[in-house]
Amino acid sequence: MPKSANICLALSLLTCAACSTRSEVASAPPLAYDGIPAGLMERCTVKDVDLVTTGDIVTSRNAYKDGFEKCAAKVEAIRAHDAEARAVSSDPAKQ
């Protein structure tokens, strides 16, 4: 293969990559599962705090800590639901 063909291939790949990238990433809606409350399937988010003063660092840390604790509680509730659903599906007497 001639050297110019390699260069053309590389440039065309770069052009395709530049055209295909998106500045925004669209998130898929949360999946729905039978029996799980919709609130548990919502995405865990924490609002950032503008760091202007030293106290804002503590405020930001507390916000993230609270957010992680709420998210961990959601995960544990989903795991409990999953374990219960598996127990029911594996035991024919409970169905």
PDB file of N, CA and C in Angstrom:
ATOM      1  N   MET A   1       0.848  -1.169   0.000  1.00  0.00           N
ATOM      2  CA  MET A   1       0.000   0.000   0.000  1.00  0.00           C
ATOM      3  C   MET A   1       0.894   1.232   0.000  1.00  0.00           C
ATOM      4  N   PRO A   2       0.601   2.192  -0.878  1.00  0.00           N
ATOM      5  CA  PRO A   2       1.435   3.392  -0.929  1.00  0.00           C
ATOM      6  C   PRO A   2       1.280   4.224   0.346  1.00  0.00           C
ATOM      7  N   LYS A   3       2.324   4.995   0.619  1.00  0.00           N
ATOM      8  CA  LYS A   3       2.345   5.824   1.830  1.00  0.00           C
ATOM      9  C   LYS A   3       1.189   6.819   1.854  1.00  0.00           C
ATOM     10  N   SER A   4       0.810   7.341   0.696  1.00  0.00           N
ATOM     11  CA  SER A   4      -0.281   8.322   0.638  1.00  0.00           C
ATOM     12  C   SER A   4      -1.621   7.683   1.023  1.00  0.00           C
ATOM     13  N   ALA A   5      -1.777   6.407   0.739  1.00  0.00           N
ATOM     14  CA  ALA A   5      -3.020   5.726   1.096  1.00  0.00           C
ATOM     15  C   ALA A   5      -3.155   5.632   2.614  1.00  0.00           C
ATOM     16  N   ASN A   6      -2.057   5.367   3.317  1.00  0.00           N
ATOM     17  CA  ASN A   6      -2.086   5.309   4.779  1.00  0.00           C
ATOM     18  C   ASN A   6      -2.468   6.658   5.380  1.00  0.00           C
ATOM     19  N   ILE A   7      -1.927   7.716   4.806  1.00  0.00           N
ATOM     20  CA  ILE A   7      -2.224   9.060   5.297  1.00  0.00           C
ATOM     21  C   ILE A   7      -3.690   9.395   5.053  1.00  0.00           C
ATOM     22  N   CYS A   8      -4.198   9.058   3.862  1.00  0.00           N
ATOM     23  CA  CYS A   8      -5.606   9.318   3.547  1.00  0.00           C
ATOM     24  C   CYS A   8      -6.531   8.541   4.484  1.00  0.00           C
ATOM     25  N   LEU A   9      -6.168   7.299   4.769  1.00  0.00           N
ATOM     26  CA  LEU A   9      -6.971   6.487   5.681  1.00  0.00           C
ATOM     27  C   LEU A   9      -6.987   7.102   7.073  1.00  0.00           C
ATOM     28  N   ALA A  10      -5.834   7.515   7.558  1.00  0.00           N
ATOM     29  CA  ALA A  10      -5.755   8.124   8.887  1.00  0.00           C
ATOM     30  C   ALA A  10      -6.559   9.413   8.959  1.00  0.00           C
ATOM     31  N   LEU A  11      -6.467  10.247   7.918  1.00  0.00           N
ATOM     32  CA  LEU A  11      -7.226  11.497   7.904  1.00  0.00           C
ATOM     33  C   LEU A  11      -8.726  11.250   7.830  1.00  0.00           C
ATOM     34  N   SER A  12      -9.143  10.250   7.070  1.00  0.00           N
ATOM     35  CA  SER A  12     -10.577   9.969   6.967  1.00  0.00           C
ATOM     36  C   SER A  12     -11.115   9.449   8.299  1.00  0.00           C
ATOM     37  N   LEU A  13     -10.319   8.659   8.999  1.00  0.00           N
ATOM     38  CA  LEU A  13     -10.748   8.182  10.315  1.00  0.00           C
ATOM     39  C   LEU A  13     -10.866   9.330  11.307  1.00  0.00           C
ATOM     40  N   LEU A  14      -9.917  10.263  11.255  1.00  0.00           N
ATOM     41  CA  LEU A  14      -9.984  11.429  12.141  1.00  0.00           C
ATOM     42  C   LEU A  14     -11.203  12.281  11.824  1.00  0.00           C
ATOM     43  N   THR A  15     -11.510  12.428  10.540  1.00  0.00           N
ATOM     44  CA  THR A  15     -12.679  13.207  10.138  1.00  0.00           C
ATOM     45  C   THR A  15     -13.951  12.549  10.639  1.00  0.00           C
ATOM     46  N   CYS A  16     -14.034  11.244  10.492  1.00  0.00           N
ATOM     47  CA  CYS A  16     -15.217  10.517  10.981  1.00  0.00           C
ATOM     48  C   CYS A  16     -15.341  10.641  12.496  1.00  0.00           C
ATOM     49  N   ALA A  17     -14.239  10.550  13.189  1.00  0.00           N
ATOM     50  CA  ALA A  17     -14.272  10.661  14.653  1.00  0.00           C
ATOM     51  C   ALA A  17     -14.708  12.054  15.071  1.00  0.00           C
ATOM     52  N   ALA A  18     -14.266  13.072  14.379  1.00  0.00           N
ATOM     53  CA  ALA A  18     -14.653  14.445  14.714  1.00  0.00           C
ATOM     54  C   ALA A  18     -16.126  14.681  14.452  1.00  0.00           C
ATOM     55  N   CYS A  19     -16.656  14.067  13.438  1.00  0.00           N
ATOM     56  CA  CYS A  19     -18.078  14.249  13.118  1.00  0.00           C
ATOM     57  C   CYS A  19     -18.975  13.472  14.066  1.00  0.00           C
ATOM     58  N   SER A  20     -18.478  12.388  14.608  1.00  0.00           N
ATOM     59  CA  SER A  20     -19.329  11.530  15.423  1.00  0.00           C
ATOM     60  C   SER A  20     -19.335  11.899  16.900  1.00  0.00           C
ATOM     61  N   THR A  21     -18.420  12.714  17.358  1.00  0.00           N
ATOM     62  CA  THR A  21     -18.410  13.070  18.763  1.00  0.00           C
ATOM     63  C   THR A  21     -19.515  14.056  19.061  1.00  0.00           C
ATOM     64  N   ARG A  22     -20.069  13.919  20.248  1.00  0.00           N
ATOM     65  CA  ARG A  22     -21.152  14.790  20.670  1.00  0.00           C
ATOM     66  C   ARG A  22     -20.687  15.588  21.869  1.00  0.00           C
ATOM     67  N   SER A  23     -21.110  16.836  21.935  1.00  0.00           N
ATOM     68  CA  SER A  23     -20.724  17.659  23.065  1.00  0.00           C
ATOM     69  C   SER A  23     -21.547  17.315  24.307  1.00  0.00           C
ATOM     70  N   GLU A  24     -22.761  16.826  24.105  1.00  0.00           N
ATOM     71  CA  GLU A  24     -23.613  16.434  25.217  1.00  0.00           C
ATOM     72  C   GLU A  24     -23.786  14.923  25.199  1.00  0.00           C
ATOM     73  N   VAL A  25     -23.883  14.347  26.349  1.00  0.00           N
ATOM     74  CA  VAL A  25     -24.141  12.923  26.432  1.00  0.00           C
ATOM     75  C   VAL A  25     -25.553  12.754  26.959  1.00  0.00           C
ATOM     76  N   ALA A  26     -26.402  12.185  26.151  1.00  0.00           N
ATOM     77  CA  ALA A  26     -27.782  11.967  26.573  1.00  0.00           C
ATOM     78  C   ALA A  26     -27.836  10.715  27.433  1.00  0.00           C
ATOM     79  N   SER A  27     -28.401  10.848  28.615  1.00  0.00           N
ATOM     80  CA  SER A  27     -28.500   9.681  29.490  1.00  0.00           C
ATOM     81  C   SER A  27     -29.812   8.967  29.214  1.00  0.00           C
ATOM     82  N   ALA A  28     -29.739   7.678  29.251  1.00  0.00           N
ATOM     83  CA  ALA A  28     -30.929   6.872  29.024  1.00  0.00           C
ATOM     84  C   ALA A  28     -31.850   6.977  30.227  1.00  0.00           C
ATOM     85  N   PRO A  29     -33.164   6.904  30.002  1.00  0.00           N
ATOM     86  CA  PRO A  29     -34.065   6.933  31.148  1.00  0.00           C
ATOM     87  C   PRO A  29     -33.852   5.685  31.996  1.00  0.00           C
ATOM     88  N   PRO A  30     -34.110   5.788  33.294  1.00  0.00           N
ATOM     89  CA  PRO A  30     -33.892   4.622  34.138  1.00  0.00           C
ATOM     90  C   PRO A  30     -34.800   3.468  33.734  1.00  0.00           C
ATOM     91  N   LEU A  31     -34.295   2.273  33.878  1.00  0.00           N
ATOM     92  CA  LEU A  31     -35.079   1.093  33.554  1.00  0.00           C
ATOM     93  C   LEU A  31     -36.182   0.908  34.592  1.00  0.00           C
ATOM     94  N   ALA A  32     -37.266   0.314  34.191  1.00  0.00           N
ATOM     95  CA  ALA A  32     -38.373   0.050  35.117  1.00  0.00           C
ATOM     96  C   ALA A  32     -38.367  -1.430  35.473  1.00  0.00           C
ATOM     97  N   TYR A  33     -38.472  -1.720  36.730  1.00  0.00           N
ATOM     98  CA  TYR A  33     -38.522  -3.091  37.203  1.00  0.00           C
ATOM     99  C   TYR A  33     -39.789  -3.266  38.029  1.00  0.00           C
ATOM    100  N   ASP A  34     -40.377  -4.439  37.929  1.00  0.00           N
ATOM    101  CA  ASP A  34     -41.608  -4.701  38.669  1.00  0.00           C
ATOM    102  C   ASP A  34     -41.369  -4.643  40.165  1.00  0.00           C
ATOM    103  N   GLY A  35     -42.182  -3.864  40.842  1.00  0.00           N
ATOM    104  CA  GLY A  35     -42.148  -3.833  42.291  1.00  0.00           C
ATOM    105  C   GLY A  35     -41.176  -2.853  42.910  1.00  0.00           C
ATOM    106  N   ILE A  36     -40.251  -2.305  42.147  1.00  0.00           N
ATOM    107  CA  ILE A  36     -39.299  -1.350  42.719  1.00  0.00           C
ATOM    108  C   ILE A  36     -39.894   0.038  42.583  1.00  0.00           C
ATOM    109  N   PRO A  37     -39.991   0.792  43.680  1.00  0.00           N
ATOM    110  CA  PRO A  37     -40.511   2.155  43.584  1.00  0.00           C
ATOM    111  C   PRO A  37     -39.656   2.998  42.630  1.00  0.00           C
ATOM    112  N   ALA A  38     -40.330   3.895  41.911  1.00  0.00           N
ATOM    113  CA  ALA A  38     -39.638   4.718  40.917  1.00  0.00           C
ATOM    114  C   ALA A  38     -38.539   5.575  41.551  1.00  0.00           C
ATOM    115  N   GLY A  39     -38.715   5.989  42.793  1.00  0.00           N
ATOM    116  CA  GLY A  39     -37.718   6.812  43.462  1.00  0.00           C
ATOM    117  C   GLY A  39     -36.381   6.116  43.624  1.00  0.00           C
ATOM    118  N   LEU A  40     -36.408   4.799  43.749  1.00  0.00           N
ATOM    119  CA  LEU A  40     -35.153   4.055  43.888  1.00  0.00           C
ATOM    120  C   LEU A  40     -34.400   3.971  42.572  1.00  0.00           C
ATOM    121  N   MET A  41     -35.111   4.133  41.459  1.00  0.00           N
ATOM    122  CA  MET A  41     -34.466   4.008  40.154  1.00  0.00           C
ATOM    123  C   MET A  41     -33.972   5.342  39.611  1.00  0.00           C
ATOM    124  N   GLU A  42     -34.189   6.433  40.346  1.00  0.00           N
ATOM    125  CA  GLU A  42     -33.695   7.726  39.896  1.00  0.00           C
ATOM    126  C   GLU A  42     -32.193   7.810  40.074  1.00  0.00           C
ATOM    127  N   ARG A  43     -31.552   8.538  39.181  1.00  0.00           N
ATOM    128  CA  ARG A  43     -30.098   8.704  39.212  1.00  0.00           C
ATOM    129  C   ARG A  43     -29.674   9.460  40.469  1.00  0.00           C
ATOM    130  N   CYS A  44     -28.602   9.025  41.081  1.00  0.00           N
ATOM    131  CA  CYS A  44     -28.050   9.704  42.255  1.00  0.00           C
ATOM    132  C   CYS A  44     -27.215  10.897  41.786  1.00  0.00           C
ATOM    133  N   THR A  45     -27.579  12.080  42.230  1.00  0.00           N
ATOM    134  CA  THR A  45     -26.832  13.270  41.854  1.00  0.00           C
ATOM    135  C   THR A  45     -26.580  14.139  43.075  1.00  0.00           C
ATOM    136  N   VAL A  46     -25.522  14.907  43.009  1.00  0.00           N
ATOM    137  CA  VAL A  46     -25.187  15.865  44.066  1.00  0.00           C
ATOM    138  C   VAL A  46     -24.882  17.183  43.376  1.00  0.00           C
ATOM    139  N   LYS A  47     -25.484  18.257  43.864  1.00  0.00           N
ATOM    140  CA  LYS A  47     -25.249  19.577  43.273  1.00  0.00           C
ATOM    141  C   LYS A  47     -23.927  20.119  43.805  1.00  0.00           C
ATOM    142  N   ASP A  48     -23.084  20.555  42.882  1.00  0.00           N
ATOM    143  CA  ASP A  48     -21.796  21.130  43.264  1.00  0.00           C
ATOM    144  C   ASP A  48     -21.976  22.460  43.979  1.00  0.00           C
ATOM    145  N   VAL A  49     -21.063  22.737  44.881  1.00  0.00           N
ATOM    146  CA  VAL A  49     -21.049  24.006  45.610  1.00  0.00           C
ATOM    147  C   VAL A  49     -19.889  24.826  45.069  1.00  0.00           C
ATOM    148  N   ASP A  50     -20.143  26.094  44.752  1.00  0.00           N
ATOM    149  CA  ASP A  50     -19.057  26.965  44.306  1.00  0.00           C
ATOM    150  C   ASP A  50     -18.091  27.180  45.462  1.00  0.00           C
ATOM    151  N   LEU A  51     -16.825  26.906  45.239  1.00  0.00           N
ATOM    152  CA  LEU A  51     -15.819  27.039  46.288  1.00  0.00           C
ATOM    153  C   LEU A  51     -15.262  28.454  46.284  1.00  0.00           C
ATOM    154  N   VAL A  52     -15.826  29.281  47.163  1.00  0.00           N
ATOM    155  CA  VAL A  52     -15.395  30.669  47.269  1.00  0.00           C
ATOM    156  C   VAL A  52     -14.587  30.869  48.548  1.00  0.00           C
ATOM    157  N   THR A  53     -15.079  30.286  49.627  1.00  0.00           N
ATOM    158  CA  THR A  53     -14.389  30.419  50.910  1.00  0.00           C
ATOM    159  C   THR A  53     -13.941  29.042  51.383  1.00  0.00           C
ATOM    160  N   THR A  54     -13.167  29.028  52.432  1.00  0.00           N
ATOM    161  CA  THR A  54     -12.706  27.762  53.003  1.00  0.00           C
ATOM    162  C   THR A  54     -13.880  26.960  53.546  1.00  0.00           C
ATOM    163  N   GLY A  55     -14.877  27.636  54.083  1.00  0.00           N
ATOM    164  CA  GLY A  55     -16.061  26.953  54.608  1.00  0.00           C
ATOM    165  C   GLY A  55     -16.841  26.222  53.527  1.00  0.00           C
ATOM    166  N   ASP A  56     -16.730  26.693  52.281  1.00  0.00           N
ATOM    167  CA  ASP A  56     -17.412  26.032  51.174  1.00  0.00           C
ATOM    168  C   ASP A  56     -16.861  24.631  50.923  1.00  0.00           C
ATOM    169  N   ILE A  57     -15.606  24.407  51.270  1.00  0.00           N
ATOM    170  CA  ILE A  57     -15.024  23.072  51.125  1.00  0.00           C
ATOM    171  C   ILE A  57     -15.741  22.098  52.056  1.00  0.00           C
ATOM    172  N   VAL A  58     -15.993  22.528  53.283  1.00  0.00           N
ATOM    173  CA  VAL A  58     -16.705  21.688  54.245  1.00  0.00           C
ATOM    174  C   VAL A  58     -18.146  21.483  53.783  1.00  0.00           C
ATOM    175  N   THR A  59     -18.789  22.537  53.304  1.00  0.00           N
ATOM    176  CA  THR A  59     -20.162  22.430  52.810  1.00  0.00           C
ATOM    177  C   THR A  59     -20.240  21.460  51.636  1.00  0.00           C
ATOM    178  N   SER A  60     -19.277  21.552  50.725  1.00  0.00           N
ATOM    179  CA  SER A  60     -19.240  20.658  49.576  1.00  0.00           C
ATOM    180  C   SER A  60     -19.038  19.212  50.018  1.00  0.00           C
ATOM    181  N   ARG A  61     -18.122  18.999  50.936  1.00  0.00           N
ATOM    182  CA  ARG A  61     -17.872  17.644  51.431  1.00  0.00           C
ATOM    183  C   ARG A  61     -19.113  17.064  52.084  1.00  0.00           C
ATOM    184  N   ASN A  62     -19.805  17.865  52.893  1.00  0.00           N
ATOM    185  CA  ASN A  62     -21.022  17.381  53.557  1.00  0.00           C
ATOM    186  C   ASN A  62     -22.118  17.061  52.551  1.00  0.00           C
ATOM    187  N   ALA A  63     -22.234  17.868  51.497  1.00  0.00           N
ATOM    188  CA  ALA A  63     -23.236  17.607  50.464  1.00  0.00           C
ATOM    189  C   ALA A  63     -22.941  16.287  49.759  1.00  0.00           C
ATOM    190  N   TYR A  64     -21.669  16.052  49.422  1.00  0.00           N
ATOM    191  CA  TYR A  64     -21.301  14.790  48.772  1.00  0.00           C
ATOM    192  C   TYR A  64     -21.477  13.607  49.717  1.00  0.00           C
ATOM    193  N   LYS A  65     -21.151  13.782  50.977  1.00  0.00           N
ATOM    194  CA  LYS A  65     -21.319  12.697  51.952  1.00  0.00           C
ATOM    195  C   LYS A  65     -22.790  12.336  52.083  1.00  0.00           C
ATOM    196  N   ASP A  66     -23.668  13.336  52.192  1.00  0.00           N
ATOM    197  CA  ASP A  66     -25.105  13.071  52.274  1.00  0.00           C
ATOM    198  C   ASP A  66     -25.617  12.397  51.002  1.00  0.00           C
ATOM    199  N   GLY A  67     -25.138  12.860  49.860  1.00  0.00           N
ATOM    200  CA  GLY A  67     -25.550  12.264  48.590  1.00  0.00           C
ATOM    201  C   GLY A  67     -25.132  10.813  48.471  1.00  0.00           C
ATOM    202  N   PHE A  68     -23.909  10.506  48.886  1.00  0.00           N
ATOM    203  CA  PHE A  68     -23.441   9.122  48.834  1.00  0.00           C
ATOM    204  C   PHE A  68     -24.220   8.236  49.799  1.00  0.00           C
ATOM    205  N   GLU A  69     -24.569   8.752  50.973  1.00  0.00           N
ATOM    206  CA  GLU A  69     -25.347   7.970  51.929  1.00  0.00           C
ATOM    207  C   GLU A  69     -26.745   7.672  51.389  1.00  0.00           C
ATOM    208  N   LYS A  70     -27.376   8.671  50.749  1.00  0.00           N
ATOM    209  CA  LYS A  70     -28.698   8.448  50.154  1.00  0.00           C
ATOM    210  C   LYS A  70     -28.612   7.440  49.018  1.00  0.00           C
ATOM    211  N   CYS A  71     -27.581   7.533  48.213  1.00  0.00           N
ATOM    212  CA  CYS A  71     -27.409   6.604  47.107  1.00  0.00           C
ATOM    213  C   CYS A  71     -27.136   5.182  47.623  1.00  0.00           C
ATOM    214  N   ALA A  72     -26.339   5.077  48.665  1.00  0.00           N
ATOM    215  CA  ALA A  72     -26.061   3.763  49.252  1.00  0.00           C
ATOM    216  C   ALA A  72     -27.335   3.140  49.813  1.00  0.00           C
ATOM    217  N   ALA A  73     -28.205   3.958  50.390  1.00  0.00           N
ATOM    218  CA  ALA A  73     -29.481   3.446  50.904  1.00  0.00           C
ATOM    219  C   ALA A  73     -30.348   2.925  49.755  1.00  0.00           C
ATOM    220  N   LYS A  74     -30.332   3.630  48.608  1.00  0.00           N
ATOM    221  CA  LYS A  74     -31.078   3.166  47.438  1.00  0.00           C
ATOM    222  C   LYS A  74     -30.535   1.824  46.951  1.00  0.00           C
ATOM    223  N   VAL A  75     -29.215   1.722  46.894  1.00  0.00           N
ATOM    224  CA  VAL A  75     -28.587   0.481  46.425  1.00  0.00           C
ATOM    225  C   VAL A  75     -28.950  -0.674  47.347  1.00  0.00           C
ATOM    226  N   GLU A  76     -28.912  -0.453  48.657  1.00  0.00           N
ATOM    227  CA  GLU A  76     -29.262  -1.510  49.600  1.00  0.00           C
ATOM    228  C   GLU A  76     -30.727  -1.911  49.462  1.00  0.00           C
ATOM    229  N   ALA A  77     -31.618  -0.946  49.230  1.00  0.00           N
ATOM    230  CA  ALA A  77     -33.037  -1.261  49.054  1.00  0.00           C
ATOM    231  C   ALA A  77     -33.253  -2.080  47.781  1.00  0.00           C
ATOM    232  N   ILE A  78     -32.528  -1.744  46.715  1.00  0.00           N
ATOM    233  CA  ILE A  78     -32.639  -2.512  45.470  1.00  0.00           C
ATOM    234  C   ILE A  78     -32.080  -3.915  45.665  1.00  0.00           C
ATOM    235  N   ARG A  79     -30.975  -4.042  46.378  1.00  0.00           N
ATOM    236  CA  ARG A  79     -30.409  -5.377  46.652  1.00  0.00           C
ATOM    237  C   ARG A  79     -31.366  -6.223  47.478  1.00  0.00           C
ATOM    238  N   ALA A  80     -32.028  -5.607  48.464  1.00  0.00           N
ATOM    239  CA  ALA A  80     -32.996  -6.338  49.289  1.00  0.00           C
ATOM    240  C   ALA A  80     -34.176  -6.802  48.431  1.00  0.00           C
ATOM    241  N   HIS A  81     -34.639  -5.924  47.553  1.00  0.00           N
ATOM    242  CA  HIS A  81     -35.738  -6.296  46.657  1.00  0.00           C
ATOM    243  C   HIS A  81     -35.316  -7.444  45.748  1.00  0.00           C
ATOM    244  N   ASP A  82     -34.103  -7.372  45.216  1.00  0.00           N
ATOM    245  CA  ASP A  82     -33.588  -8.415  44.333  1.00  0.00           C
ATOM    246  C   ASP A  82     -33.471  -9.746  45.070  1.00  0.00           C
ATOM    247  N   ALA A  83     -32.953  -9.715  46.290  1.00  0.00           N
ATOM    248  CA  ALA A  83     -32.816 -10.949  47.068  1.00  0.00           C
ATOM    249  C   ALA A  83     -34.182 -11.560  47.362  1.00  0.00           C
ATOM    250  N   GLU A  84     -35.151 -10.706  47.680  1.00  0.00           N
ATOM    251  CA  GLU A  84     -36.497 -11.199  47.957  1.00  0.00           C
ATOM    252  C   GLU A  84     -37.125 -11.809  46.699  1.00  0.00           C
ATOM    253  N   ALA A  85     -36.942 -11.152  45.561  1.00  0.00           N
ATOM    254  CA  ALA A  85     -37.482 -11.663  44.301  1.00  0.00           C
ATOM    255  C   ALA A  85     -36.829 -12.982  43.917  1.00  0.00           C
ATOM    256  N   ARG A  86     -35.533 -13.115  44.157  1.00  0.00           N
ATOM    257  CA  ARG A  86     -34.842 -14.383  43.858  1.00  0.00           C
ATOM    258  C   ARG A  86     -35.325 -15.497  44.776  1.00  0.00           C
ATOM    259  N   ALA A  87     -35.569 -15.165  46.044  1.00  0.00           N
ATOM    260  CA  ALA A  87     -36.044 -16.178  46.991  1.00  0.00           C
ATOM    261  C   ALA A  87     -37.428 -16.668  46.590  1.00  0.00           C
ATOM    262  N   VAL A  88     -38.285 -15.764  46.159  1.00  0.00           N
ATOM    263  CA  VAL A  88     -39.640 -16.140  45.754  1.00  0.00           C
ATOM    264  C   VAL A  88     -39.611 -16.961  44.473  1.00  0.00           C
ATOM    265  N   SER A  89     -38.767 -16.572  43.521  1.00  0.00           N
ATOM    266  CA  SER A  89     -38.728 -17.295  42.242  1.00  0.00           C
ATOM    267  C   SER A  89     -38.073 -18.669  42.379  1.00  0.00           C
ATOM    268  N   SER A  90     -37.208 -18.855  43.355  1.00  0.00           N
ATOM    269  CA  SER A  90     -36.556 -20.159  43.509  1.00  0.00           C
ATOM    270  C   SER A  90     -37.362 -21.113  44.373  1.00  0.00           C
ATOM    271  N   ASP A  91     -38.347 -20.615  45.136  1.00  0.00           N
ATOM    272  CA  ASP A  91     -39.159 -21.455  46.005  1.00  0.00           C
ATOM    273  C   ASP A  91     -40.563 -21.561  45.404  1.00  0.00           C
ATOM    274  N   PRO A  92     -40.902 -22.711  44.785  1.00  0.00           N
ATOM    275  CA  PRO A  92     -42.223 -22.844  44.148  1.00  0.00           C
ATOM    276  C   PRO A  92     -43.379 -22.710  45.127  1.00  0.00           C
ATOM    277  N   ALA A  93     -43.158 -23.003  46.409  1.00  0.00           N
ATOM    278  CA  ALA A  93     -44.234 -22.919  47.396  1.00  0.00           C
ATOM    279  C   ALA A  93     -44.662 -21.479  47.641  1.00  0.00           C
ATOM    280  N   LYS A  94     -43.760 -20.534  47.445  1.00  0.00           N
ATOM    281  CA  LYS A  94     -44.055 -19.108  47.687  1.00  0.00           C
ATOM    282  C   LYS A  94     -44.740 -18.455  46.487  1.00  0.00           C
ATOM    283  N   GLN A  95     -44.755 -19.133  45.342  1.00  0.00           N
ATOM    284  CA  GLN A  95     -45.339 -18.519  44.150  1.00  0.00           C
ATOM    285  C   GLN A  95     -46.798 -18.671  44.163  1.00  0.00           C
TER     286      GLN A  95
END
